[in-house]
C-alpha atoms as a PDB file:
ATOM      1  CA  UNK A   1     -22.319  -1.810  93.687  1.00  0.00           C
ATOM      2  CA  UNK A   2     -21.258  -0.989  90.116  1.00  0.00           C
ATOM      3  CA  UNK A   3     -19.799   2.306  89.834  1.00  0.00           C
ATOM      4  CA  UNK A   4     -18.041   4.176  86.177  1.00  0.00           C
ATOM      5  CA  UNK A   5     -14.118   4.603  87.178  1.00  0.00           C
ATOM      6  CA  UNK A   6     -11.732   7.423  86.536  1.00  0.00           C
ATOM      7  CA  UNK A   7     -10.774   9.066  84.252  1.00  0.00           C
ATOM      8  CA  UNK A   8     -11.555   8.581  80.407  1.00  0.00           C
ATOM      9  CA  UNK A   9      -8.599   8.213  78.316  1.00  0.00           C
ATOM     10  CA  UNK A  10      -9.653  10.755  75.576  1.00  0.00           C
ATOM     11  CA  UNK A  11     -12.180  12.994  77.609  1.00  0.00           C
ATOM     12  CA  UNK A  12     -10.380  13.456  81.041  1.00  0.00           C
ATOM     13  CA  UNK A  13     -13.727  13.150  82.863  1.00  0.00           C
ATOM     14  CA  UNK A  14     -14.086  11.378  86.081  1.00  0.00           C
ATOM     15  CA  UNK A  15     -16.398   9.320  87.380  1.00  0.00           C
ATOM     16  CA  UNK A  16     -16.622   7.511  91.184  1.00  0.00           C
ATOM     17  CA  UNK A  17     -14.602  10.035  93.959  1.00  0.00           C
ATOM     18  CA  UNK A  18     -12.759   8.608  96.681  1.00  0.00           C
ATOM     19  CA  UNK A  19     -15.634   9.595  99.347  1.00  0.00           C
ATOM     20  CA  UNK A  20     -18.092   7.695  97.386  1.00  0.00           C
ATOM     21  CA  UNK A  21     -16.044   4.299  97.084  1.00  0.00           C
ATOM     22  CA  UNK A  22     -15.069   4.977 100.705  1.00  0.00           C
ATOM     23  CA  UNK A  23     -18.624   5.146 102.127  1.00  0.00           C
ATOM     24  CA  UNK A  24     -19.804   2.284  99.469  1.00  0.00           C
ATOM     25  CA  UNK A  25     -16.897  -0.058 101.314  1.00  0.00           C
ATOM     26  CA  UNK A  26     -17.494   1.722 104.552  1.00  0.00           C
ATOM     27  CA  UNK A  27     -21.231   0.177 104.616  1.00  0.00           C
ATOM     28  CA  UNK A  28     -19.964  -3.770 103.761  1.00  0.00           C
ATOM     29  CA  UNK A  29     -20.981  -3.553  99.926  1.00  0.00           C
ATOM     30  CA  UNK A  30     -19.347  -4.537  97.478  1.00  0.00           C
ATOM     31  CA  UNK A  31     -18.061  -2.087  94.667  1.00  0.00           C
ATOM     32  CA  UNK A  32     -17.177  -2.768  91.555  1.00  0.00           C
ATOM     33  CA  UNK A  33     -15.742  -0.209  88.639  1.00  0.00           C
ATOM     34  CA  UNK A  34     -16.377   0.442  85.115  1.00  0.00           C
ATOM     35  CA  UNK A  35     -13.995   2.240  83.169  1.00  0.00           C
ATOM     36  CA  UNK A  36     -15.682   4.825  80.585  1.00  0.00           C
ATOM     37  CA  UNK A  37     -16.398   3.966  76.936  1.00  0.00           C
ATOM     38  CA  UNK A  38     -14.177   5.737  74.154  1.00  0.00           C
ATOM     39  CA  UNK A  39     -15.816   8.078  71.625  1.00  0.00           C
ATOM     40  CA  UNK A  40     -18.211   6.160  68.544  1.00  0.00           C
ATOM     41  CA  UNK A  41     -16.329   4.386  66.114  1.00  0.00           C
ATOM     42  CA  UNK A  42     -13.136   3.252  68.120  1.00  0.00           C
ATOM     43  CA  UNK A  43     -11.115   0.403  66.335  1.00  0.00           C
ATOM     44  CA  UNK A  44      -9.760  -1.623  69.685  1.00  0.00           C
ATOM     45  CA  UNK A  45      -5.721  -2.100  69.494  1.00  0.00           C
ATOM     46  CA  UNK A  46      -3.415  -4.030  72.254  1.00  0.00           C
ATOM     47  CA  UNK A  47      -2.070  -1.259  73.248  1.00  0.00           C
ATOM     48  CA  UNK A  48      -5.264   0.320  73.896  1.00  0.00           C
ATOM     49  CA  UNK A  49      -6.194  -2.554  76.184  1.00  0.00           C
ATOM     50  CA  UNK A  50      -3.314  -2.061  78.101  1.00  0.00           C
ATOM     51  CA  UNK A  51      -3.332   1.773  78.241  1.00  0.00           C
ATOM     52  CA  UNK A  52      -6.682   1.786  79.259  1.00  0.00           C
ATOM     53  CA  UNK A  53      -6.601  -1.019  81.706  1.00  0.00           C
ATOM     54  CA  UNK A  54      -3.365   0.665  83.317  1.00  0.00           C
ATOM     55  CA  UNK A  55      -5.390   4.225  83.542  1.00  0.00           C
ATOM     56  CA  UNK A  56      -8.460   2.180  85.677  1.00  0.00           C
ATOM     57  CA  UNK A  57      -6.069   0.423  87.477  1.00  0.00           C
ATOM     58  CA  UNK A  58      -4.003   3.735  88.867  1.00  0.00           C
ATOM     59  CA  UNK A  59      -7.445   5.790  89.273  1.00  0.00           C
ATOM     60  CA  UNK A  60      -8.210   2.418  91.619  1.00  0.00           C
ATOM     61  CA  UNK A  61      -5.438   3.018  93.730  1.00  0.00           C
ATOM     62  CA  UNK A  62      -5.985   6.848  93.944  1.00  0.00           C
ATOM     63  CA  UNK A  63      -9.165   6.862  95.015  1.00  0.00           C
ATOM     64  CA  UNK A  64      -8.598   3.976  97.570  1.00  0.00           C
ATOM     65  CA  UNK A  65     -10.447   0.622  96.122  1.00  0.00           C
ATOM     66  CA  UNK A  66      -8.578  -2.247  97.947  1.00  0.00           C
ATOM     67  CA  UNK A  67      -6.498  -4.776  96.010  1.00  0.00           C
ATOM     68  CA  UNK A  68      -8.561  -7.245  94.309  1.00  0.00           C
ATOM     69  CA  UNK A  69     -11.773  -5.215  93.408  1.00  0.00           C
ATOM     70  CA  UNK A  70     -13.319  -6.404  90.160  1.00  0.00           C
ATOM     71  CA  UNK A  71     -12.454  -3.850  87.219  1.00  0.00           C
ATOM     72  CA  UNK A  72     -14.333  -3.754  84.290  1.00  0.00           C
ATOM     73  CA  UNK A  73     -13.621  -2.114  80.864  1.00  0.00           C
ATOM     74  CA  UNK A  74     -17.058  -0.653  78.778  1.00  0.00           C
ATOM     75  CA  UNK A  75     -16.578  -1.602  75.286  1.00  0.00           C
ATOM     76  CA  UNK A  76     -18.842  -0.442  72.841  1.00  0.00           C
ATOM     77  CA  UNK A  77     -19.511   1.968  69.998  1.00  0.00           C
ATOM     78  CA  UNK A  78     -16.678   0.225  67.771  1.00  0.00           C
ATOM     79  CA  UNK A  79     -15.669   1.518  64.290  1.00  0.00           C
ATOM     80  CA  UNK A  80     -18.621  -0.638  61.750  1.00  0.00           C
ATOM     81  CA  UNK A  81     -15.459  -2.301  60.073  1.00  0.00           C
ATOM     82  CA  UNK A  82     -14.625  -4.183  63.692  1.00  0.00           C
ATOM     83  CA  UNK A  83     -16.184  -7.511  64.035  1.00  0.00           C
END
């Protein structure tokens, strides 16, 4: 199962819960978590990559995901000047 993960850095909303993640894993299904995308027209930086990655990892730990789970980052909506 692919589910959106925890808090968006800017908006503070949440994705998959501890109960949902636990249910998916208990059913013997695979789980991958995708970190929410930023608001439109954002300009990526190395610092954002580090902070978004840390946020995704922290949320995965908080909801009880096992070590080695794949985490993904939804990167779309870049500012027009970003190539």
